Amino acid sequence: RLDNQFPGIRGSIEYYEVATPKTIQRYTSNPSGSVYG
């Protein structure tokens, strides 16, 4: 979808990584992975 918006940008990606609500919960201990309390 990013490449559809900005054609060619995908070819310049060297690194990508996904952080999910589960990631937020693991590192902050916030219930529900909530970022705004």
PDB file of all heavy atoms in Angstrom:
ATOM      1  N   ARG A   1       0.834  -1.211   0.000  1.00  0.00           N
ATOM      2  CA  ARG A   1       0.000   0.000   0.000  1.00  0.00           C
ATOM      3  C   ARG A   1       0.862   1.253   0.000  1.00  0.00           C
ATOM      4  O   ARG A   1       0.517   2.260  -0.636  1.00  0.00           O
ATOM      5  CB  ARG A   1      -0.945  -0.008   1.204  1.00  0.00           C
ATOM      6  CG  ARG A   1      -2.053  -1.057   1.106  1.00  0.00           C
ATOM      7  CD  ARG A   1      -3.003  -0.937   2.260  1.00  0.00           C
ATOM      8  NE  ARG A   1      -3.687   0.349   2.250  1.00  0.00           N
ATOM      9  CZ  ARG A   1      -4.338   0.856   3.301  1.00  0.00           C
ATOM     10  NH1 ARG A   1      -4.398   0.166   4.431  1.00  0.00           N
ATOM     11  NH2 ARG A   1      -4.932   2.018   3.216  1.00  0.00           N
ATOM     12  N   LEU A   2       1.989   1.213   0.719  1.00  0.00           N
ATOM     13  CA  LEU A   2       2.911   2.350   0.724  1.00  0.00           C
ATOM     14  C   LEU A   2       3.485   2.559  -0.678  1.00  0.00           C
ATOM     15  O   LEU A   2       3.594   3.691  -1.151  1.00  0.00           O
ATOM     16  CB  LEU A   2       4.036   2.108   1.733  1.00  0.00           C
ATOM     17  CG  LEU A   2       5.009   3.273   1.953  1.00  0.00           C
ATOM     18  CD1 LEU A   2       4.297   4.438   2.636  1.00  0.00           C
ATOM     19  CD2 LEU A   2       6.204   2.836   2.794  1.00  0.00           C
ATOM     20  N   ASP A   3       3.810   1.463  -1.350  1.00  0.00           N
ATOM     21  CA  ASP A   3       4.357   1.558  -2.703  1.00  0.00           C
ATOM     22  C   ASP A   3       3.305   2.037  -3.699  1.00  0.00           C
ATOM     23  O   ASP A   3       3.621   2.746  -4.664  1.00  0.00           O
ATOM     24  CB  ASP A   3       4.909   0.195  -3.138  1.00  0.00           C
ATOM     25  CG  ASP A   3       5.847   0.307  -4.327  1.00  0.00           C
ATOM     26  OD1 ASP A   3       6.964   0.828  -4.147  1.00  0.00           O
ATOM     27  OD2 ASP A   3       5.445  -0.092  -5.433  1.00  0.00           O
ATOM     28  N   ASN A   4       2.059   1.664  -3.453  1.00  0.00           N
ATOM     29  CA  ASN A   4       0.980   2.164  -4.320  1.00  0.00           C
ATOM     30  C   ASN A   4       0.864   3.682  -4.205  1.00  0.00           C
ATOM     31  O   ASN A   4       0.565   4.368  -5.188  1.00  0.00           O
ATOM     32  CB  ASN A   4      -0.349   1.522  -3.931  1.00  0.00           C
ATOM     33  CG  ASN A   4      -0.392   0.031  -4.221  1.00  0.00           C
ATOM     34  OD1 ASN A   4       0.415  -0.478  -4.990  1.00  0.00           O
ATOM     35  ND2 ASN A   4      -1.326  -0.666  -3.584  1.00  0.00           N
ATOM     36  N   GLN A   5       1.093   4.191  -2.988  1.00  0.00           N
ATOM     37  CA  GLN A   5       0.996   5.637  -2.758  1.00  0.00           C
ATOM     38  C   GLN A   5       2.236   6.360  -3.281  1.00  0.00           C
ATOM     39  O   GLN A   5       2.138   7.450  -3.848  1.00  0.00           O
ATOM     40  CB  GLN A   5       0.828   5.906  -1.259  1.00  0.00           C
ATOM     41  CG  GLN A   5       0.598   7.364  -0.892  1.00  0.00           C
ATOM     42  CD  GLN A   5      -0.757   7.867  -1.346  1.00  0.00           C
ATOM     43  OE1 GLN A   5      -1.777   7.201  -1.152  1.00  0.00           O
ATOM     44  NE2 GLN A   5      -0.795   9.045  -1.959  1.00  0.00           N
ATOM     45  N   PHE A   6       3.397   5.738  -3.076  1.00  0.00           N
ATOM     46  CA  PHE A   6       4.669   6.345  -3.488  1.00  0.00           C
ATOM     47  C   PHE A   6       5.430   5.323  -4.350  1.00  0.00           C
ATOM     48  O   PHE A   6       6.282   4.580  -3.846  1.00  0.00           O
ATOM     49  CB  PHE A   6       5.502   6.731  -2.260  1.00  0.00           C
ATOM     50  CG  PHE A   6       4.780   7.619  -1.282  1.00  0.00           C
ATOM     51  CD1 PHE A   6       4.416   7.145  -0.029  1.00  0.00           C
ATOM     52  CD2 PHE A   6       4.457   8.931  -1.614  1.00  0.00           C
ATOM     53  CE1 PHE A   6       3.758   7.947   0.884  1.00  0.00           C
ATOM     54  CE2 PHE A   6       3.793   9.751  -0.707  1.00  0.00           C
ATOM     55  CZ  PHE A   6       3.432   9.264   0.542  1.00  0.00           C
ATOM     56  N   PRO A   7       5.123   5.246  -5.632  1.00  0.00           N
ATOM     57  CA  PRO A   7       5.683   4.202  -6.506  1.00  0.00           C
ATOM     58  C   PRO A   7       7.203   4.140  -6.470  1.00  0.00           C
ATOM     59  O   PRO A   7       7.887   5.159  -6.613  1.00  0.00           O
ATOM     60  CB  PRO A   7       5.177   4.615  -7.892  1.00  0.00           C
ATOM     61  CG  PRO A   7       3.924   5.387  -7.616  1.00  0.00           C
ATOM     62  CD  PRO A   7       4.186   6.130  -6.348  1.00  0.00           C
ATOM     63  N   GLY A   8       7.695   2.924  -6.239  1.00  0.00           N
ATOM     64  CA  GLY A   8       9.136   2.689  -6.223  1.00  0.00           C
ATOM     65  C   GLY A   8       9.760   2.698  -4.848  1.00  0.00           C
ATOM     66  O   GLY A   8      10.901   2.258  -4.668  1.00  0.00           O
ATOM     67  N   ILE A   9       9.035   3.181  -3.833  1.00  0.00           N
ATOM     68  CA  ILE A   9       9.617   3.320  -2.503  1.00  0.00           C
ATOM     69  C   ILE A   9       9.974   1.960  -1.899  1.00  0.00           C
ATOM     70  O   ILE A   9      10.948   1.840  -1.156  1.00  0.00           O
ATOM     71  CB  ILE A   9       8.664   4.109  -1.569  1.00  0.00           C
ATOM     72  CG1 ILE A   9       9.409   4.533  -0.297  1.00  0.00           C
ATOM     73  CG2 ILE A   9       7.422   3.287  -1.219  1.00  0.00           C
ATOM     74  CD1 ILE A   9       8.611   5.477   0.587  1.00  0.00           C
ATOM     75  N   ARG A  10       9.205   0.949  -2.247  1.00  0.00           N
ATOM     76  CA  ARG A  10       9.437  -0.375  -1.667  1.00  0.00           C
ATOM     77  C   ARG A  10      10.818  -0.929  -2.030  1.00  0.00           C
ATOM     78  O   ARG A  10      11.455  -1.614  -1.230  1.00  0.00           O
ATOM     79  CB  ARG A  10       8.337  -1.338  -2.121  1.00  0.00           C
ATOM     80  CG  ARG A  10       8.354  -2.670  -1.400  1.00  0.00           C
ATOM     81  CD  ARG A  10       7.108  -3.465  -1.727  1.00  0.00           C
ATOM     82  NE  ARG A  10       7.069  -4.710  -0.985  1.00  0.00           N
ATOM     83  CZ  ARG A  10       6.039  -5.554  -0.971  1.00  0.00           C
ATOM     84  NH1 ARG A  10       4.954  -5.256  -1.664  1.00  0.00           N
ATOM     85  NH2 ARG A  10       6.093  -6.672  -0.275  1.00  0.00           N
ATOM     86  N   GLY A  11      11.287  -0.595  -3.219  1.00  0.00           N
ATOM     87  CA  GLY A  11      12.590  -1.078  -3.658  1.00  0.00           C
ATOM     88  C   GLY A  11      13.753  -0.492  -2.881  1.00  0.00           C
ATOM     89  O   GLY A  11      14.869  -1.010  -2.958  1.00  0.00           O
ATOM     90  N   SER A  12      13.510   0.592  -2.139  1.00  0.00           N
ATOM     91  CA  SER A  12      14.593   1.231  -1.377  1.00  0.00           C
ATOM     92  C   SER A  12      14.619   0.780   0.085  1.00  0.00           C
ATOM     93  O   SER A  12      15.425   1.278   0.865  1.00  0.00           O
ATOM     94  CB  SER A  12      14.429   2.760  -1.433  1.00  0.00           C
ATOM     95  OG  SER A  12      13.306   3.176  -0.665  1.00  0.00           O
ATOM     96  N   ILE A  13      13.742  -0.158   0.449  1.00  0.00           N
ATOM     97  CA  ILE A  13      13.676  -0.600   1.842  1.00  0.00           C
ATOM     98  C   ILE A  13      14.794  -1.604   2.134  1.00  0.00           C
ATOM     99  O   ILE A  13      14.884  -2.657   1.512  1.00  0.00           O
ATOM    100  CB  ILE A  13      12.299  -1.229   2.153  1.00  0.00           C
ATOM    101  CG1 ILE A  13      11.199  -0.172   2.028  1.00  0.00           C
ATOM    102  CG2 ILE A  13      12.290  -1.836   3.553  1.00  0.00           C
ATOM    103  CD1 ILE A  13       9.793  -0.711   2.161  1.00  0.00           C
ATOM    104  N   GLU A  14      15.632  -1.246   3.075  1.00  0.00           N
ATOM    105  CA  GLU A  14      16.730  -2.114   3.511  1.00  0.00           C
ATOM    106  C   GLU A  14      16.337  -2.915   4.753  1.00  0.00           C
ATOM    107  O   GLU A  14      16.829  -4.015   4.974  1.00  0.00           O
ATOM    108  CB  GLU A  14      17.967  -1.258   3.810  1.00  0.00           C
ATOM    109  CG  GLU A  14      19.179  -2.043   4.298  1.00  0.00           C
ATOM    110  CD  GLU A  14      20.369  -1.144   4.555  1.00  0.00           C
ATOM    111  OE1 GLU A  14      20.580  -0.178   3.783  1.00  0.00           O
ATOM    112  OE2 GLU A  14      21.107  -1.406   5.522  1.00  0.00           O
ATOM    113  N   TYR A  15      15.466  -2.341   5.561  1.00  0.00           N
ATOM    114  CA  TYR A  15      15.082  -2.966   6.837  1.00  0.00           C
ATOM    115  C   TYR A  15      13.621  -2.683   7.128  1.00  0.00           C
ATOM    116  O   TYR A  15      13.129  -1.588   6.870  1.00  0.00           O
ATOM    117  CB  TYR A  15      15.956  -2.413   7.968  1.00  0.00           C
ATOM    118  CG  TYR A  15      15.297  -2.406   9.328  1.00  0.00           C
ATOM    119  CD1 TYR A  15      15.308  -3.541  10.141  1.00  0.00           C
ATOM    120  CD2 TYR A  15      14.643  -1.266   9.796  1.00  0.00           C
ATOM    121  CE1 TYR A  15      14.685  -3.543  11.374  1.00  0.00           C
ATOM    122  CE2 TYR A  15      14.018  -1.252  11.036  1.00  0.00           C
ATOM    123  CZ  TYR A  15      14.042  -2.391  11.819  1.00  0.00           C
ATOM    124  OH  TYR A  15      13.413  -2.382  13.040  1.00  0.00           O
ATOM    125  N   TYR A  16      12.906  -3.681   7.642  1.00  0.00           N
ATOM    126  CA  TYR A  16      11.568  -3.439   8.173  1.00  0.00           C
ATOM    127  C   TYR A  16      11.310  -4.400   9.326  1.00  0.00           C
ATOM    128  O   TYR A  16      11.855  -5.497   9.378  1.00  0.00           O
ATOM    129  CB  TYR A  16      10.485  -3.569   7.088  1.00  0.00           C
ATOM    130  CG  TYR A  16      10.264  -4.959   6.544  1.00  0.00           C
ATOM    131  CD1 TYR A  16       9.347  -5.836   7.142  1.00  0.00           C
ATOM    132  CD2 TYR A  16      10.955  -5.404   5.415  1.00  0.00           C
ATOM    133  CE1 TYR A  16       9.138  -7.107   6.637  1.00  0.00           C
ATOM    134  CE2 TYR A  16      10.748  -6.675   4.905  1.00  0.00           C
ATOM    135  CZ  TYR A  16       9.839  -7.522   5.517  1.00  0.00           C
ATOM    136  OH  TYR A  16       9.631  -8.780   5.019  1.00  0.00           O
ATOM    137  N   GLU A  17      10.472  -3.949  10.250  1.00  0.00           N
ATOM    138  CA  GLU A  17      10.159  -4.746  11.441  1.00  0.00           C
ATOM    139  C   GLU A  17       8.823  -4.288  12.005  1.00  0.00           C
ATOM    140  O   GLU A  17       8.550  -3.083  12.057  1.00  0.00           O
ATOM    141  CB  GLU A  17      11.265  -4.578  12.483  1.00  0.00           C
ATOM    142  CG  GLU A  17      11.130  -5.462  13.709  1.00  0.00           C
ATOM    143  CD  GLU A  17      12.358  -5.399  14.607  1.00  0.00           C
ATOM    144  OE1 GLU A  17      13.357  -4.736  14.229  1.00  0.00           O
ATOM    145  OE2 GLU A  17      12.320  -6.014  15.683  1.00  0.00           O
ATOM    146  N   VAL A  18       7.999  -5.237  12.411  1.00  0.00           N
ATOM    147  CA  VAL A  18       6.668  -4.922  12.921  1.00  0.00           C
ATOM    148  C   VAL A  18       6.643  -5.004  14.441  1.00  0.00           C
ATOM    149  O   VAL A  18       7.138  -5.969  15.034  1.00  0.00           O
ATOM    150  CB  VAL A  18       5.613  -5.890  12.343  1.00  0.00           C
ATOM    151  CG1 VAL A  18       4.248  -5.636  12.968  1.00  0.00           C
ATOM    152  CG2 VAL A  18       5.536  -5.762  10.833  1.00  0.00           C
ATOM    153  N   ALA A  19       6.074  -3.984  15.067  1.00  0.00           N
ATOM    154  CA  ALA A  19       5.780  -4.005  16.511  1.00  0.00           C
ATOM    155  C   ALA A  19       4.267  -3.986  16.658  1.00  0.00           C
ATOM    156  O   ALA A  19       3.592  -3.110  16.109  1.00  0.00           O
ATOM    157  CB  ALA A  19       6.400  -2.802  17.210  1.00  0.00           C
ATOM    158  N   THR A  20       3.729  -4.949  17.375  1.00  0.00           N
ATOM    159  CA  THR A  20       2.285  -5.087  17.553  1.00  0.00           C
ATOM    160  C   THR A  20       1.873  -4.647  18.953  1.00  0.00           C
ATOM    161  O   THR A  20       2.730  -4.352  19.795  1.00  0.00           O
ATOM    162  CB  THR A  20       1.868  -6.555  17.356  1.00  0.00           C
ATOM    163  OG1 THR A  20       2.325  -7.314  18.501  1.00  0.00           O
ATOM    164  CG2 THR A  20       2.448  -7.134  16.084  1.00  0.00           C
ATOM    165  N   PRO A  21       0.572  -4.601  19.241  1.00  0.00           N
ATOM    166  CA  PRO A  21       0.137  -4.341  20.614  1.00  0.00           C
ATOM    167  C   PRO A  21       0.749  -5.328  21.619  1.00  0.00           C
ATOM    168  O   PRO A  21       0.982  -4.975  22.783  1.00  0.00           O
ATOM    169  CB  PRO A  21      -1.379  -4.506  20.530  1.00  0.00           C
ATOM    170  CG  PRO A  21      -1.704  -4.090  19.131  1.00  0.00           C
ATOM    171  CD  PRO A  21      -0.570  -4.623  18.306  1.00  0.00           C
ATOM    172  N   LYS A  22       1.022  -6.537  21.163  1.00  0.00           N
ATOM    173  CA  LYS A  22       1.664  -7.535  22.023  1.00  0.00           C
ATOM    174  C   LYS A  22       3.087  -7.106  22.366  1.00  0.00           C
ATOM    175  O   LYS A  22       3.574  -7.331  23.486  1.00  0.00           O
ATOM    176  CB  LYS A  22       1.664  -8.893  21.309  1.00  0.00           C
ATOM    177  CG  LYS A  22       1.865 -10.084  22.212  1.00  0.00           C
ATOM    178  CD  LYS A  22       1.616 -11.377  21.432  1.00  0.00           C
ATOM    179  CE  LYS A  22       1.778 -12.582  22.344  1.00  0.00           C
ATOM    180  NZ  LYS A  22       1.500 -13.847  21.600  1.00  0.00           N
ATOM    181  N   THR A  23       3.770  -6.471  21.423  1.00  0.00           N
ATOM    182  CA  THR A  23       5.110  -5.937  21.664  1.00  0.00           C
ATOM    183  C   THR A  23       5.063  -4.845  22.724  1.00  0.00           C
ATOM    184  O   THR A  23       5.879  -4.813  23.649  1.00  0.00           O
ATOM    185  CB  THR A  23       5.697  -5.351  20.362  1.00  0.00           C
ATOM    186  OG1 THR A  23       5.523  -6.271  19.287  1.00  0.00           O
ATOM    187  CG2 THR A  23       7.163  -5.030  20.529  1.00  0.00           C
ATOM    188  N   ILE A  24       4.096  -3.953  22.585  1.00  0.00           N
ATOM    189  CA  ILE A  24       3.949  -2.857  23.538  1.00  0.00           C
ATOM    190  C   ILE A  24       3.659  -3.400  24.935  1.00  0.00           C
ATOM    191  O   ILE A  24       4.224  -2.947  25.929  1.00  0.00           O
ATOM    192  CB  ILE A  24       2.836  -1.891  23.079  1.00  0.00           C
ATOM    193  CG1 ILE A  24       3.249  -1.213  21.768  1.00  0.00           C
ATOM    194  CG2 ILE A  24       2.531  -0.850  24.155  1.00  0.00           C
ATOM    195  CD1 ILE A  24       2.151  -0.433  21.092  1.00  0.00           C
ATOM    196  N   GLN A  25       2.788  -4.397  25.006  1.00  0.00           N
ATOM    197  CA  GLN A  25       2.475  -5.005  26.299  1.00  0.00           C
ATOM    198  C   GLN A  25       3.721  -5.649  26.907  1.00  0.00           C
ATOM    199  O   GLN A  25       3.971  -5.528  28.119  1.00  0.00           O
ATOM    200  CB  GLN A  25       1.378  -6.049  26.144  1.00  0.00           C
ATOM    201  CG  GLN A  25       0.927  -6.667  27.470  1.00  0.00           C
ATOM    202  CD  GLN A  25       0.017  -7.860  27.274  1.00  0.00           C
ATOM    203  OE1 GLN A  25       0.312  -8.748  26.478  1.00  0.00           O
ATOM    204  NE2 GLN A  25      -1.105  -7.878  27.979  1.00  0.00           N
ATOM    205  N   ARG A  26       4.532  -6.320  26.087  1.00  0.00           N
ATOM    206  CA  ARG A  26       5.703  -7.020  26.612  1.00  0.00           C
ATOM    207  C   ARG A  26       6.728  -6.046  27.198  1.00  0.00           C
ATOM    208  O   ARG A  26       7.306  -6.300  28.251  1.00  0.00           O
ATOM    209  CB  ARG A  26       6.355  -7.851  25.493  1.00  0.00           C
ATOM    210  CG  ARG A  26       7.569  -8.640  25.971  1.00  0.00           C
ATOM    211  CD  ARG A  26       7.990  -9.694  24.976  1.00  0.00           C
ATOM    212  NE  ARG A  26       8.651  -9.144  23.794  1.00  0.00           N
ATOM    213  CZ  ARG A  26       8.124  -9.106  22.585  1.00  0.00           C
ATOM    214  NH1 ARG A  26       6.902  -9.585  22.375  1.00  0.00           N
ATOM    215  NH2 ARG A  26       8.794  -8.613  21.560  1.00  0.00           N
ATOM    216  N   TYR A  27       6.944  -4.922  26.527  1.00  0.00           N
ATOM    217  CA  TYR A  27       7.997  -4.005  26.970  1.00  0.00           C
ATOM    218  C   TYR A  27       7.532  -2.987  28.013  1.00  0.00           C
ATOM    219  O   TYR A  27       8.350  -2.452  28.757  1.00  0.00           O
ATOM    220  CB  TYR A  27       8.598  -3.275  25.772  1.00  0.00           C
ATOM    221  CG  TYR A  27       9.539  -4.146  24.976  1.00  0.00           C
ATOM    222  CD1 TYR A  27       9.144  -4.733  23.780  1.00  0.00           C
ATOM    223  CD2 TYR A  27      10.828  -4.404  25.435  1.00  0.00           C
ATOM    224  CE1 TYR A  27      10.003  -5.548  23.056  1.00  0.00           C
ATOM    225  CE2 TYR A  27      11.696  -5.219  24.729  1.00  0.00           C
ATOM    226  CZ  TYR A  27      11.282  -5.791  23.538  1.00  0.00           C
ATOM    227  OH  TYR A  27      12.133  -6.599  22.826  1.00  0.00           O
ATOM    228  N   THR A  28       6.230  -2.698  28.067  1.00  0.00           N
ATOM    229  CA  THR A  28       5.738  -1.694  29.024  1.00  0.00           C
ATOM    230  C   THR A  28       4.852  -2.288  30.107  1.00  0.00           C
ATOM    231  O   THR A  28       4.542  -1.599  31.085  1.00  0.00           O
ATOM    232  CB  THR A  28       4.929  -0.601  28.300  1.00  0.00           C
ATOM    233  OG1 THR A  28       3.710  -1.167  27.779  1.00  0.00           O
ATOM    234  CG2 THR A  28       5.736   0.022  27.161  1.00  0.00           C
ATOM    235  N   SER A  29       4.404  -3.524  29.924  1.00  0.00           N
ATOM    236  CA  SER A  29       3.464  -4.204  30.828  1.00  0.00           C
ATOM    237  C   SER A  29       2.081  -3.563  30.843  1.00  0.00           C
ATOM    238  O   SER A  29       1.259  -3.884  31.697  1.00  0.00           O
ATOM    239  CB  SER A  29       4.013  -4.271  32.267  1.00  0.00           C
ATOM    240  OG  SER A  29       5.166  -5.086  32.326  1.00  0.00           O
ATOM    241  N   ASN A  30       1.816  -2.659  29.926  1.00  0.00           N
ATOM    242  CA  ASN A  30       0.495  -2.024  29.874  1.00  0.00           C
ATOM    243  C   ASN A  30      -0.577  -3.039  29.474  1.00  0.00           C
ATOM    244  O   ASN A  30      -0.479  -3.657  28.409  1.00  0.00           O
ATOM    245  CB  ASN A  30       0.476  -0.870  28.869  1.00  0.00           C
ATOM    246  CG  ASN A  30       1.068   0.396  29.435  1.00  0.00           C
ATOM    247  OD1 ASN A  30       1.087   0.598  30.640  1.00  0.00           O
ATOM    248  ND2 ASN A  30       1.554   1.255  28.568  1.00  0.00           N
ATOM    249  N   PRO A  31      -1.613  -3.199  30.285  1.00  0.00           N
ATOM    250  CA  PRO A  31      -2.722  -4.083  29.905  1.00  0.00           C
ATOM    251  C   PRO A  31      -3.302  -3.652  28.559  1.00  0.00           C
ATOM    252  O   PRO A  31      -3.381  -2.456  28.256  1.00  0.00           O
ATOM    253  CB  PRO A  31      -3.740  -3.861  31.034  1.00  0.00           C
ATOM    254  CG  PRO A  31      -2.929  -3.397  32.192  1.00  0.00           C
ATOM    255  CD  PRO A  31      -1.820  -2.586  31.602  1.00  0.00           C
ATOM    256  N   SER A  32      -3.684  -4.615  27.755  1.00  0.00           N
ATOM    257  CA  SER A  32      -4.242  -4.381  26.413  1.00  0.00           C
ATOM    258  C   SER A  32      -3.243  -3.747  25.458  1.00  0.00           C
ATOM    259  O   SER A  32      -3.596  -3.383  24.342  1.00  0.00           O
ATOM    260  CB  SER A  32      -5.501  -3.490  26.480  1.00  0.00           C
ATOM    261  OG  SER A  32      -6.438  -4.002  27.394  1.00  0.00           O
ATOM    262  N   GLY A  33      -1.992  -3.602  25.894  1.00  0.00           N
ATOM    263  CA  GLY A  33      -1.025  -2.892  25.063  1.00  0.00           C
ATOM    264  C   GLY A  33      -1.401  -1.431  24.904  1.00  0.00           C
ATOM    265  O   GLY A  33      -0.971  -0.760  23.961  1.00  0.00           O
ATOM    266  N   SER A  34      -2.208  -0.926  25.844  1.00  0.00           N
ATOM    267  CA  SER A  34      -2.737   0.444  25.746  1.00  0.00           C
ATOM    268  C   SER A  34      -1.607   1.465  25.794  1.00  0.00           C
ATOM    269  O   SER A  34      -0.728   1.385  26.656  1.00  0.00           O
ATOM    270  CB  SER A  34      -3.725   0.715  26.885  1.00  0.00           C
ATOM    271  OG  SER A  34      -4.825  -0.159  26.807  1.00  0.00           O
ATOM    272  N   VAL A  35      -1.650   2.420  24.891  1.00  0.00           N
ATOM    273  CA  VAL A  35      -0.615   3.452  24.855  1.00  0.00           C
ATOM    274  C   VAL A  35      -1.071   4.763  25.496  1.00  0.00           C
ATOM    275  O   VAL A  35      -0.248   5.629  25.775  1.00  0.00           O
ATOM    276  CB  VAL A  35      -0.150   3.721  23.410  1.00  0.00           C
ATOM    277  CG1 VAL A  35       0.730   2.590  22.916  1.00  0.00           C
ATOM    278  CG2 VAL A  35      -1.326   3.927  22.472  1.00  0.00           C
ATOM    279  N   TYR A  36      -2.380   4.903  25.735  1.00  0.00           N
ATOM    280  CA  TYR A  36      -2.895   6.143  26.319  1.00  0.00           C
ATOM    281  C   TYR A  36      -3.571   5.909  27.669  1.00  0.00           C
ATOM    282  O   TYR A  36      -4.352   6.743  28.126  1.00  0.00           O
ATOM    283  CB  TYR A  36      -3.878   6.812  25.346  1.00  0.00           C
ATOM    284  CG  TYR A  36      -3.289   6.988  23.965  1.00  0.00           C
ATOM    285  CD1 TYR A  36      -3.901   6.435  22.844  1.00  0.00           C
ATOM    286  CD2 TYR A  36      -2.098   7.687  23.792  1.00  0.00           C
ATOM    287  CE1 TYR A  36      -3.342   6.573  21.580  1.00  0.00           C
ATOM    288  CE2 TYR A  36      -1.536   7.831  22.530  1.00  0.00           C
ATOM    289  CZ  TYR A  36      -2.157   7.271  21.427  1.00  0.00           C
ATOM    290  OH  TYR A  36      -1.589   7.407  20.177  1.00  0.00           O
ATOM    291  N   GLY A  37      -3.285   4.754  28.295  1.00  0.00           N
ATOM    292  CA  GLY A  37      -3.916   4.467  29.577  1.00  0.00           C
ATOM    293  C   GLY A  37      -5.393   4.184  29.411  1.00  0.00           C
ATOM    294  O   GLY A  37      -5.810   3.546  28.444  1.00  0.00           O
TER     295      GLY A  37
END
